[in-house]
Each structure stands twice: as C-alpha cells, then as structure tokens.
Amino acid sequence: MKLTSMALAGALVFASAGASLAQPPAAPAADARGHAEGRHGQRPDPAQMAERRAQRLRDALQLRPDQEPALRALVAASARPPGEHERRGGERGEARALTTPERLDRMQARLAEHDARFRQRAEATKRFYAQLSPTQQRAFDTLHEGRGEHGGHGMRGGKGHGDG
C-alpha cells in the first residue's frame, strides 16, 4: 500500500511537470508603467523613455505652452549621447588589456564626461525651474523629494528605472 501511494505520488509529480513543460511560454507581462521592454537584455528606447518622462512632467505640472521650450531643453540636456551604451560595452573588453594606470586614466576621463553632463542637466533644470510658477515649483519639488543623490534610478537609488 505504501509503495503504491508513493508510486502514484511520483507519477502525479512527473505528469504535472510534463504538462507545465508542454505549455508555450507566457508573453512578458507589462509592468505598471505599461512597458515590457528593457527586460532580459533588451534595452528600452531612450527617446521613448524621455518622452514619457516629459509627458509626466507636463501632466503633473500642468505646463503652459510658453514653458514647453524650457522642458524641451531639460529633456535634451538629460539625454545620454547616442551610442553611449554600446560604446561602453566595447570598452569593457578593451579594459582587460590595459595597465592599471591606463585604466585609472580612462576612469578619470569618464568621470570628467559625467561631471560635464551633470552640469548641463543641473543648469537646464535650474532654467526650467525658473520658468515655473510658485505652485508648479512646489509640485516639481514634491516630484523629486526623497530621491537622494542618485536621483532614484537603478539599484542604488531604490526606485527603479523610468521614475521621472
């Protein structure tokens, strides 16, 4: 009896495993923001992401038409240079052949690039902020409060990608 029960249980396990393997894989589910791209090695389109962020700002701040140029300047200053991700991937392979001082020099150059882009974003943000009414400024401050130094992106910021 005990052997029969164990054999039956084993058969059920194998049958259910076989049934689950026979099912076609499920389509990737879209997350709460409505985009499934960017998962499993697929990079989301940076232009689409920037437009979604701009639209969220337009909606949240109820921007006037005369404020649109400042928003476009902010979006342009926040954009990464085209092909940067692909270029960095190639640099990783090359870095293995470099000496430590050469790698340090390359890191220093990247930090200088990063700093220059940050300054552009900061200036564009200040110009955009100056175009906002006091009510819009308070709303903008609320949108960006509690995000820390990393802006709330990625693993360090803790909020995930695509959060304005």
N, C-alpha and C. Protein backbone atom coordinates (compact mmCIF):
# COMPACT_ATOMS: atom_id res chain seq x y z
N MET A 1 0.82 -1.19 0.00
CA MET A 1 0.00 0.00 0.00
C MET A 1 0.87 1.26 0.00
N LYS A 2 1.87 1.26 0.89
CA LYS A 2 2.75 2.42 0.97
C LYS A 2 3.50 2.61 -0.34
N LEU A 3 3.97 1.53 -0.94
CA LEU A 3 4.69 1.59 -2.20
C LEU A 3 3.78 2.10 -3.31
N THR A 4 2.53 1.67 -3.32
CA THR A 4 1.57 2.11 -4.33
C THR A 4 1.30 3.61 -4.20
N SER A 5 1.16 4.09 -2.97
CA SER A 5 0.92 5.52 -2.74
C SER A 5 2.09 6.36 -3.22
N MET A 6 3.30 5.89 -2.93
CA MET A 6 4.48 6.62 -3.36
C MET A 6 4.61 6.61 -4.87
N ALA A 7 4.30 5.49 -5.50
CA ALA A 7 4.37 5.40 -6.95
C ALA A 7 3.35 6.34 -7.58
N LEU A 8 2.14 6.38 -6.99
CA LEU A 8 1.10 7.26 -7.51
C LEU A 8 1.51 8.73 -7.35
N ALA A 9 2.08 9.07 -6.20
CA ALA A 9 2.53 10.44 -5.97
C ALA A 9 3.63 10.81 -6.96
N GLY A 10 4.57 9.90 -7.19
CA GLY A 10 5.64 10.15 -8.15
C GLY A 10 5.10 10.35 -9.55
N ALA A 11 4.12 9.55 -9.93
CA ALA A 11 3.52 9.67 -11.26
C ALA A 11 2.83 11.02 -11.41
N LEU A 12 2.16 11.48 -10.35
CA LEU A 12 1.48 12.79 -10.40
C LEU A 12 2.50 13.93 -10.56
N VAL A 13 3.61 13.82 -9.86
CA VAL A 13 4.64 14.85 -9.97
C VAL A 13 5.17 14.92 -11.39
N PHE A 14 5.49 13.76 -11.96
CA PHE A 14 6.01 13.75 -13.33
C PHE A 14 4.97 14.22 -14.34
N ALA A 15 3.71 13.85 -14.12
CA ALA A 15 2.65 14.27 -15.05
C ALA A 15 2.46 15.78 -15.01
N SER A 16 2.47 16.35 -13.80
CA SER A 16 2.28 17.81 -13.71
C SER A 16 3.49 18.55 -14.26
N ALA A 17 4.68 18.01 -14.05
CA ALA A 17 5.88 18.64 -14.61
C ALA A 17 5.85 18.59 -16.13
N GLY A 18 5.43 17.46 -16.67
CA GLY A 18 5.34 17.33 -18.13
C GLY A 18 4.32 18.28 -18.72
N ALA A 19 3.19 18.45 -18.03
CA ALA A 19 2.15 19.36 -18.52
C ALA A 19 2.65 20.80 -18.51
N SER A 20 3.39 21.17 -17.48
CA SER A 20 3.88 22.55 -17.43
C SER A 20 4.95 22.79 -18.49
N LEU A 21 5.74 21.78 -18.81
CA LEU A 21 6.75 21.93 -19.85
C LEU A 21 6.14 21.98 -21.24
N ALA A 22 4.99 21.34 -21.41
CA ALA A 22 4.34 21.31 -22.72
C ALA A 22 3.66 22.63 -23.05
N GLN A 23 3.42 23.47 -22.06
CA GLN A 23 2.74 24.75 -22.28
C GLN A 23 3.69 25.72 -22.99
N PRO A 24 3.17 26.54 -23.90
CA PRO A 24 4.03 27.55 -24.52
C PRO A 24 4.41 28.59 -23.47
N PRO A 25 5.58 29.20 -23.59
CA PRO A 25 5.98 30.22 -22.61
C PRO A 25 5.05 31.41 -22.67
N ALA A 26 4.79 31.98 -21.51
CA ALA A 26 3.90 33.14 -21.42
C ALA A 26 4.60 34.36 -22.00
N ALA A 27 3.81 35.25 -22.58
CA ALA A 27 4.35 36.50 -23.10
C ALA A 27 4.79 37.36 -21.92
N PRO A 28 5.83 38.16 -22.08
CA PRO A 28 6.26 39.01 -20.97
C PRO A 28 5.16 39.99 -20.60
N ALA A 29 4.88 40.07 -19.32
CA ALA A 29 3.82 40.95 -18.85
C ALA A 29 4.36 42.37 -18.72
N ALA A 30 3.53 43.33 -19.10
CA ALA A 30 3.92 44.73 -18.96
C ALA A 30 3.81 45.11 -17.49
N ASP A 31 4.71 45.94 -17.02
CA ASP A 31 4.65 46.35 -15.63
C ASP A 31 3.65 47.50 -15.48
N ALA A 32 3.61 48.10 -14.31
CA ALA A 32 2.61 49.12 -14.01
C ALA A 32 2.73 50.33 -14.93
N ARG A 33 3.90 50.59 -15.49
CA ARG A 33 4.05 51.74 -16.37
C ARG A 33 3.72 51.38 -17.81
N GLY A 34 3.37 50.11 -18.05
CA GLY A 34 2.91 49.73 -19.37
C GLY A 34 4.01 49.41 -20.36
N HIS A 35 5.19 49.03 -19.90
CA HIS A 35 6.22 48.66 -20.85
C HIS A 35 6.93 47.40 -20.39
N ALA A 36 7.01 46.44 -21.32
CA ALA A 36 7.69 45.19 -21.02
C ALA A 36 9.09 45.19 -21.59
N GLU A 37 9.40 46.17 -22.44
CA GLU A 37 10.74 46.21 -23.00
C GLU A 37 11.74 46.54 -21.90
N GLY A 38 12.99 46.32 -22.17
CA GLY A 38 14.01 46.62 -21.19
C GLY A 38 14.31 45.45 -20.27
N ARG A 39 13.65 44.34 -20.47
CA ARG A 39 13.88 43.16 -19.65
C ARG A 39 14.73 42.17 -20.42
N HIS A 40 15.50 41.39 -19.72
CA HIS A 40 16.25 40.28 -20.30
C HIS A 40 17.12 40.70 -21.48
N GLY A 41 17.89 41.74 -21.30
CA GLY A 41 18.85 42.13 -22.32
C GLY A 41 18.33 43.08 -23.37
N GLN A 42 17.04 43.34 -23.41
CA GLN A 42 16.51 44.29 -24.39
C GLN A 42 16.49 45.67 -23.76
N ARG A 43 17.14 46.61 -24.42
CA ARG A 43 17.18 47.97 -23.90
C ARG A 43 15.98 48.76 -24.40
N PRO A 44 15.30 49.48 -23.50
CA PRO A 44 14.20 50.32 -23.94
C PRO A 44 14.73 51.48 -24.78
N ASP A 45 13.88 52.01 -25.63
CA ASP A 45 14.27 53.12 -26.49
C ASP A 45 14.42 54.39 -25.64
N PRO A 46 15.62 54.97 -25.59
CA PRO A 46 15.83 56.16 -24.76
C PRO A 46 14.93 57.33 -25.15
N ALA A 47 14.64 57.48 -26.43
CA ALA A 47 13.78 58.59 -26.87
C ALA A 47 12.36 58.41 -26.33
N GLN A 48 11.87 57.18 -26.35
CA GLN A 48 10.53 56.93 -25.81
C GLN A 48 10.49 57.17 -24.30
N MET A 49 11.54 56.73 -23.62
CA MET A 49 11.59 56.95 -22.17
C MET A 49 11.62 58.44 -21.85
N ALA A 50 12.40 59.21 -22.60
CA ALA A 50 12.49 60.65 -22.38
C ALA A 50 11.14 61.32 -22.63
N GLU A 51 10.45 60.88 -23.67
CA GLU A 51 9.14 61.46 -23.97
C GLU A 51 8.13 61.13 -22.87
N ARG A 52 8.19 59.91 -22.34
CA ARG A 52 7.29 59.55 -21.23
C ARG A 52 7.57 60.41 -20.00
N ARG A 53 8.85 60.63 -19.70
CA ARG A 53 9.20 61.49 -18.56
C ARG A 53 8.70 62.91 -18.79
N ALA A 54 8.89 63.42 -20.01
CA ALA A 54 8.44 64.77 -20.33
C ALA A 54 6.92 64.87 -20.21
N GLN A 55 6.22 63.85 -20.67
CA GLN A 55 4.76 63.87 -20.59
C GLN A 55 4.30 63.83 -19.13
N ARG A 56 4.98 63.06 -18.30
CA ARG A 56 4.64 63.03 -16.87
C ARG A 56 4.83 64.41 -16.25
N LEU A 57 5.90 65.11 -16.64
CA LEU A 57 6.11 66.47 -16.13
C LEU A 57 5.03 67.41 -16.63
N ARG A 58 4.70 67.31 -17.93
CA ARG A 58 3.63 68.16 -18.48
C ARG A 58 2.34 67.96 -17.70
N ASP A 59 1.99 66.70 -17.46
CA ASP A 59 0.74 66.39 -16.78
C ASP A 59 0.77 66.83 -15.32
N ALA A 60 1.84 66.48 -14.61
CA ALA A 60 1.91 66.77 -13.17
C ALA A 60 1.99 68.27 -12.90
N LEU A 61 2.69 69.00 -13.76
CA LEU A 61 2.90 70.43 -13.53
C LEU A 61 1.90 71.30 -14.28
N GLN A 62 1.11 70.68 -15.16
CA GLN A 62 0.14 71.42 -15.98
C GLN A 62 0.84 72.59 -16.68
N LEU A 63 1.84 72.23 -17.46
CA LEU A 63 2.68 73.24 -18.12
C LEU A 63 1.90 74.05 -19.14
N ARG A 64 2.25 75.31 -19.22
CA ARG A 64 1.68 76.20 -20.23
C ARG A 64 2.51 76.08 -21.51
N PRO A 65 1.95 76.47 -22.65
CA PRO A 65 2.69 76.39 -23.91
C PRO A 65 4.00 77.18 -23.89
N ASP A 66 4.04 78.31 -23.18
CA ASP A 66 5.28 79.10 -23.15
C ASP A 66 6.38 78.43 -22.32
N GLN A 67 6.05 77.39 -21.56
CA GLN A 67 7.04 76.67 -20.77
C GLN A 67 7.63 75.47 -21.52
N GLU A 68 7.04 75.15 -22.66
CA GLU A 68 7.47 73.98 -23.43
C GLU A 68 8.94 74.07 -23.88
N PRO A 69 9.44 75.22 -24.36
CA PRO A 69 10.86 75.27 -24.75
C PRO A 69 11.82 74.92 -23.60
N ALA A 70 11.50 75.37 -22.39
CA ALA A 70 12.36 75.05 -21.24
C ALA A 70 12.30 73.55 -20.94
N LEU A 71 11.13 72.94 -21.10
CA LEU A 71 11.01 71.49 -20.90
C LEU A 71 11.82 70.74 -21.95
N ARG A 72 11.72 71.18 -23.21
CA ARG A 72 12.49 70.51 -24.28
C ARG A 72 14.00 70.63 -24.02
N ALA A 73 14.43 71.79 -23.52
CA ALA A 73 15.86 71.97 -23.20
C ALA A 73 16.27 71.04 -22.05
N LEU A 74 15.39 70.87 -21.07
CA LEU A 74 15.68 69.96 -19.96
C LEU A 74 15.78 68.53 -20.46
N VAL A 75 14.85 68.12 -21.31
CA VAL A 75 14.88 66.75 -21.86
C VAL A 75 16.14 66.54 -22.69
N ALA A 76 16.50 67.53 -23.50
CA ALA A 76 17.70 67.40 -24.34
C ALA A 76 18.97 67.31 -23.49
N ALA A 77 19.03 68.10 -22.42
CA ALA A 77 20.21 68.07 -21.55
C ALA A 77 20.30 66.77 -20.76
N SER A 78 19.16 66.13 -20.53
CA SER A 78 19.13 64.89 -19.76
C SER A 78 19.42 63.66 -20.60
N ALA A 79 19.39 63.81 -21.92
CA ALA A 79 19.58 62.65 -22.81
C ALA A 79 21.04 62.21 -22.81
N ARG A 80 21.22 60.90 -22.85
CA ARG A 80 22.58 60.37 -22.99
C ARG A 80 23.03 60.52 -24.43
N PRO A 81 24.32 60.65 -24.63
CA PRO A 81 24.82 60.73 -26.01
C PRO A 81 24.47 59.45 -26.78
N PRO A 82 24.11 59.57 -28.06
CA PRO A 82 23.75 58.39 -28.85
C PRO A 82 24.90 57.38 -28.89
N GLY A 83 24.56 56.12 -28.72
CA GLY A 83 25.54 55.05 -28.80
C GLY A 83 26.42 54.89 -27.58
N GLU A 84 26.14 55.62 -26.51
CA GLU A 84 26.99 55.55 -25.32
C GLU A 84 26.99 54.15 -24.71
N HIS A 85 25.83 53.53 -24.62
CA HIS A 85 25.75 52.20 -24.01
C HIS A 85 26.56 51.18 -24.80
N GLU A 86 26.43 51.22 -26.11
CA GLU A 86 27.16 50.27 -26.95
C GLU A 86 28.67 50.52 -26.87
N ARG A 87 29.05 51.79 -26.84
CA ARG A 87 30.47 52.14 -26.74
C ARG A 87 31.06 51.63 -25.43
N ARG A 88 30.33 51.78 -24.35
CA ARG A 88 30.82 51.33 -23.05
C ARG A 88 30.99 49.81 -23.02
N GLY A 89 30.10 49.09 -23.70
CA GLY A 89 30.23 47.64 -23.76
C GLY A 89 31.52 47.23 -24.42
N GLY A 90 31.90 47.91 -25.50
CA GLY A 90 33.15 47.61 -26.18
C GLY A 90 34.36 47.98 -25.35
N GLU A 91 34.24 49.05 -24.57
CA GLU A 91 35.35 49.49 -23.72
C GLU A 91 35.66 48.48 -22.63
N ARG A 92 34.63 47.77 -22.16
CA ARG A 92 34.86 46.80 -21.09
C ARG A 92 35.82 45.71 -21.55
N GLY A 93 35.65 45.26 -22.78
CA GLY A 93 36.55 44.23 -23.30
C GLY A 93 37.96 44.75 -23.47
N GLU A 94 38.07 45.98 -23.93
CA GLU A 94 39.40 46.58 -24.12
C GLU A 94 40.11 46.84 -22.80
N ALA A 95 39.34 47.08 -21.74
CA ALA A 95 39.94 47.42 -20.45
C ALA A 95 40.80 46.30 -19.90
N ARG A 96 40.51 45.08 -20.28
CA ARG A 96 41.30 43.95 -19.78
C ARG A 96 42.75 44.01 -20.26
N ALA A 97 42.97 44.63 -21.40
CA ALA A 97 44.32 44.70 -21.96
C ALA A 97 45.11 45.90 -21.42
N LEU A 98 44.45 46.79 -20.69
CA LEU A 98 45.12 48.00 -20.20
C LEU A 98 45.85 47.74 -18.89
N THR A 99 46.85 48.55 -18.66
CA THR A 99 47.53 48.51 -17.37
C THR A 99 46.69 49.27 -16.35
N THR A 100 47.01 49.13 -15.10
CA THR A 100 46.26 49.82 -14.05
C THR A 100 46.31 51.34 -14.23
N PRO A 101 47.47 51.95 -14.48
CA PRO A 101 47.47 53.41 -14.69
C PRO A 101 46.62 53.82 -15.90
N GLU A 102 46.62 53.01 -16.97
CA GLU A 102 45.80 53.34 -18.14
C GLU A 102 44.32 53.25 -17.80
N ARG A 103 43.93 52.23 -17.03
CA ARG A 103 42.53 52.11 -16.62
C ARG A 103 42.12 53.29 -15.75
N LEU A 104 43.01 53.71 -14.85
CA LEU A 104 42.71 54.86 -14.00
C LEU A 104 42.54 56.13 -14.82
N ASP A 105 43.39 56.32 -15.81
CA ASP A 105 43.26 57.49 -16.69
C ASP A 105 41.93 57.46 -17.43
N ARG A 106 41.53 56.28 -17.90
CA ARG A 106 40.25 56.14 -18.61
C ARG A 106 39.09 56.44 -17.66
N MET A 107 39.19 55.95 -16.43
CA MET A 107 38.14 56.23 -15.45
C MET A 107 38.05 57.72 -15.15
N GLN A 108 39.20 58.37 -15.05
CA GLN A 108 39.22 59.81 -14.79
C GLN A 108 38.57 60.58 -15.94
N ALA A 109 38.82 60.16 -17.17
CA ALA A 109 38.20 60.81 -18.33
C ALA A 109 36.69 60.61 -18.31
N ARG A 110 36.23 59.40 -17.95
CA ARG A 110 34.79 59.15 -17.87
C ARG A 110 34.15 59.99 -16.78
N LEU A 111 34.83 60.13 -15.65
CA LEU A 111 34.31 60.98 -14.58
C LEU A 111 34.18 62.43 -15.03
N ALA A 112 35.14 62.91 -15.80
CA ALA A 112 35.08 64.28 -16.31
C ALA A 112 33.89 64.44 -17.27
N GLU A 113 33.65 63.43 -18.13
CA GLU A 113 32.49 63.45 -19.02
C GLU A 113 31.20 63.46 -18.21
N HIS A 114 31.14 62.61 -17.21
CA HIS A 114 29.96 62.52 -16.36
C HIS A 114 29.69 63.85 -15.66
N ASP A 115 30.74 64.47 -15.15
CA ASP A 115 30.61 65.75 -14.47
C ASP A 115 30.10 66.83 -15.42
N ALA A 116 30.62 66.85 -16.64
CA ALA A 116 30.18 67.85 -17.62
C ALA A 116 28.69 67.65 -17.95
N ARG A 117 28.26 66.40 -18.11
CA ARG A 117 26.84 66.13 -18.40
C ARG A 117 25.98 66.52 -17.21
N PHE A 118 26.47 66.25 -16.00
CA PHE A 118 25.72 66.65 -14.81
C PHE A 118 25.53 68.16 -14.77
N ARG A 119 26.59 68.91 -15.05
CA ARG A 119 26.49 70.37 -15.04
C ARG A 119 25.46 70.86 -16.05
N GLN A 120 25.44 70.24 -17.24
CA GLN A 120 24.44 70.61 -18.25
C GLN A 120 23.03 70.34 -17.74
N ARG A 121 22.83 69.15 -17.14
CA ARG A 121 21.50 68.81 -16.62
C ARG A 121 21.10 69.75 -15.50
N ALA A 122 22.04 70.07 -14.62
CA ALA A 122 21.73 70.96 -13.49
C ALA A 122 21.34 72.34 -13.98
N GLU A 123 22.08 72.88 -14.94
CA GLU A 123 21.75 74.21 -15.48
C GLU A 123 20.40 74.19 -16.19
N ALA A 124 20.13 73.16 -16.97
CA ALA A 124 18.84 73.06 -17.66
C ALA A 124 17.70 72.92 -16.65
N THR A 125 17.94 72.19 -15.57
CA THR A 125 16.91 72.03 -14.54
C THR A 125 16.65 73.37 -13.86
N LYS A 126 17.69 74.13 -13.57
CA LYS A 126 17.52 75.44 -12.94
C LYS A 126 16.77 76.40 -13.87
N ARG A 127 17.10 76.37 -15.17
CA ARG A 127 16.38 77.24 -16.13
C ARG A 127 14.91 76.83 -16.22
N PHE A 128 14.65 75.52 -16.26
CA PHE A 128 13.27 75.04 -16.31
C PHE A 128 12.53 75.45 -15.04
N TYR A 129 13.15 75.26 -13.91
CA TYR A 129 12.54 75.59 -12.62
C TYR A 129 12.19 77.08 -12.55
N ALA A 130 13.06 77.92 -13.10
CA ALA A 130 12.82 79.37 -13.09
C ALA A 130 11.60 79.75 -13.93
N GLN A 131 11.25 78.92 -14.91
CA GLN A 131 10.10 79.19 -15.77
C GLN A 131 8.77 78.79 -15.10
N LEU A 132 8.84 78.04 -14.00
CA LEU A 132 7.63 77.54 -13.36
C LEU A 132 7.04 78.57 -12.41
N SER A 133 5.72 78.51 -12.24
CA SER A 133 5.05 79.35 -11.25
C SER A 133 5.38 78.80 -9.86
N PRO A 134 5.14 79.57 -8.81
CA PRO A 134 5.40 79.05 -7.46
C PRO A 134 4.65 77.74 -7.16
N THR A 135 3.43 77.62 -7.63
CA THR A 135 2.67 76.38 -7.43
C THR A 135 3.32 75.22 -8.17
N GLN A 136 3.74 75.47 -9.40
CA GLN A 136 4.41 74.43 -10.18
C GLN A 136 5.76 74.06 -9.55
N GLN A 137 6.46 75.06 -9.00
CA GLN A 137 7.74 74.77 -8.35
C GLN A 137 7.55 73.85 -7.15
N ARG A 138 6.49 74.11 -6.36
CA ARG A 138 6.22 73.23 -5.21
C ARG A 138 5.90 71.82 -5.70
N ALA A 139 5.12 71.71 -6.78
CA ALA A 139 4.80 70.39 -7.32
C ALA A 139 6.06 69.69 -7.84
N PHE A 140 6.93 70.44 -8.50
CA PHE A 140 8.19 69.87 -9.01
C PHE A 140 9.05 69.39 -7.85
N ASP A 141 9.12 70.20 -6.78
CA ASP A 141 9.89 69.80 -5.60
C ASP A 141 9.33 68.51 -5.00
N THR A 142 8.02 68.40 -4.96
CA THR A 142 7.39 67.19 -4.42
C THR A 142 7.69 65.98 -5.29
N LEU A 143 7.70 66.17 -6.60
CA LEU A 143 8.00 65.06 -7.50
C LEU A 143 9.40 64.52 -7.26
N HIS A 144 10.32 65.36 -6.86
CA HIS A 144 11.72 64.97 -6.76
C HIS A 144 12.24 64.84 -5.33
N GLU A 145 11.36 64.98 -4.34
CA GLU A 145 11.84 64.88 -2.96
C GLU A 145 12.10 63.43 -2.59
N GLY A 146 13.02 63.23 -1.69
CA GLY A 146 13.31 61.90 -1.19
C GLY A 146 14.01 60.98 -2.16
N ARG A 147 14.57 61.53 -3.21
CA ARG A 147 15.20 60.68 -4.22
C ARG A 147 16.69 60.54 -4.00
N GLY A 148 17.24 61.26 -3.06
CA GLY A 148 18.65 61.10 -2.74
C GLY A 148 19.57 61.63 -3.82
N GLU A 149 20.83 61.40 -3.64
CA GLU A 149 21.83 61.91 -4.56
C GLU A 149 21.82 61.21 -5.90
N HIS A 150 21.32 59.98 -5.94
CA HIS A 150 21.36 59.21 -7.17
C HIS A 150 20.13 59.42 -8.03
N GLY A 151 19.21 60.26 -7.61
CA GLY A 151 18.06 60.55 -8.45
C GLY A 151 17.02 59.45 -8.47
N GLY A 152 17.16 58.45 -7.64
CA GLY A 152 16.15 57.41 -7.56
C GLY A 152 16.21 56.39 -8.66
N HIS A 153 17.25 56.35 -9.46
CA HIS A 153 17.32 55.41 -10.56
C HIS A 153 18.20 54.23 -10.21
N GLY A 154 17.86 53.11 -10.75
CA GLY A 154 18.72 51.94 -10.66
C GLY A 154 18.74 51.33 -9.27
N MET A 155 19.66 50.43 -9.08
CA MET A 155 19.73 49.67 -7.85
C MET A 155 20.16 50.55 -6.67
N ARG A 156 20.99 51.53 -6.91
CA ARG A 156 21.47 52.36 -5.81
C ARG A 156 20.38 53.29 -5.30
N GLY A 157 19.54 53.79 -6.21
CA GLY A 157 18.51 54.74 -5.80
C GLY A 157 17.29 54.07 -5.21
N GLY A 158 17.04 52.83 -5.59
CA GLY A 158 15.98 52.07 -4.98
C GLY A 158 14.61 52.24 -5.56
N LYS A 159 14.38 53.10 -6.54
CA LYS A 159 13.05 53.28 -7.08
C LYS A 159 12.85 52.57 -8.41
N GLY A 160 13.88 52.22 -9.09
CA GLY A 160 13.73 51.54 -10.38
C GLY A 160 13.83 52.49 -11.54
N HIS A 161 13.92 51.95 -12.72
CA HIS A 161 14.09 52.75 -13.93
C HIS A 161 12.78 53.38 -14.35
N GLY A 162 12.89 54.53 -14.96
CA GLY A 162 11.73 55.19 -15.52
C GLY A 162 11.01 56.09 -14.56
N ASP A 163 11.51 56.33 -13.40
CA ASP A 163 10.86 57.19 -12.44
C ASP A 163 11.32 58.62 -12.62
N GLY A 164 10.76 59.27 -13.60
CA GLY A 164 11.00 60.67 -13.89
C GLY A 164 12.31 61.12 -13.62
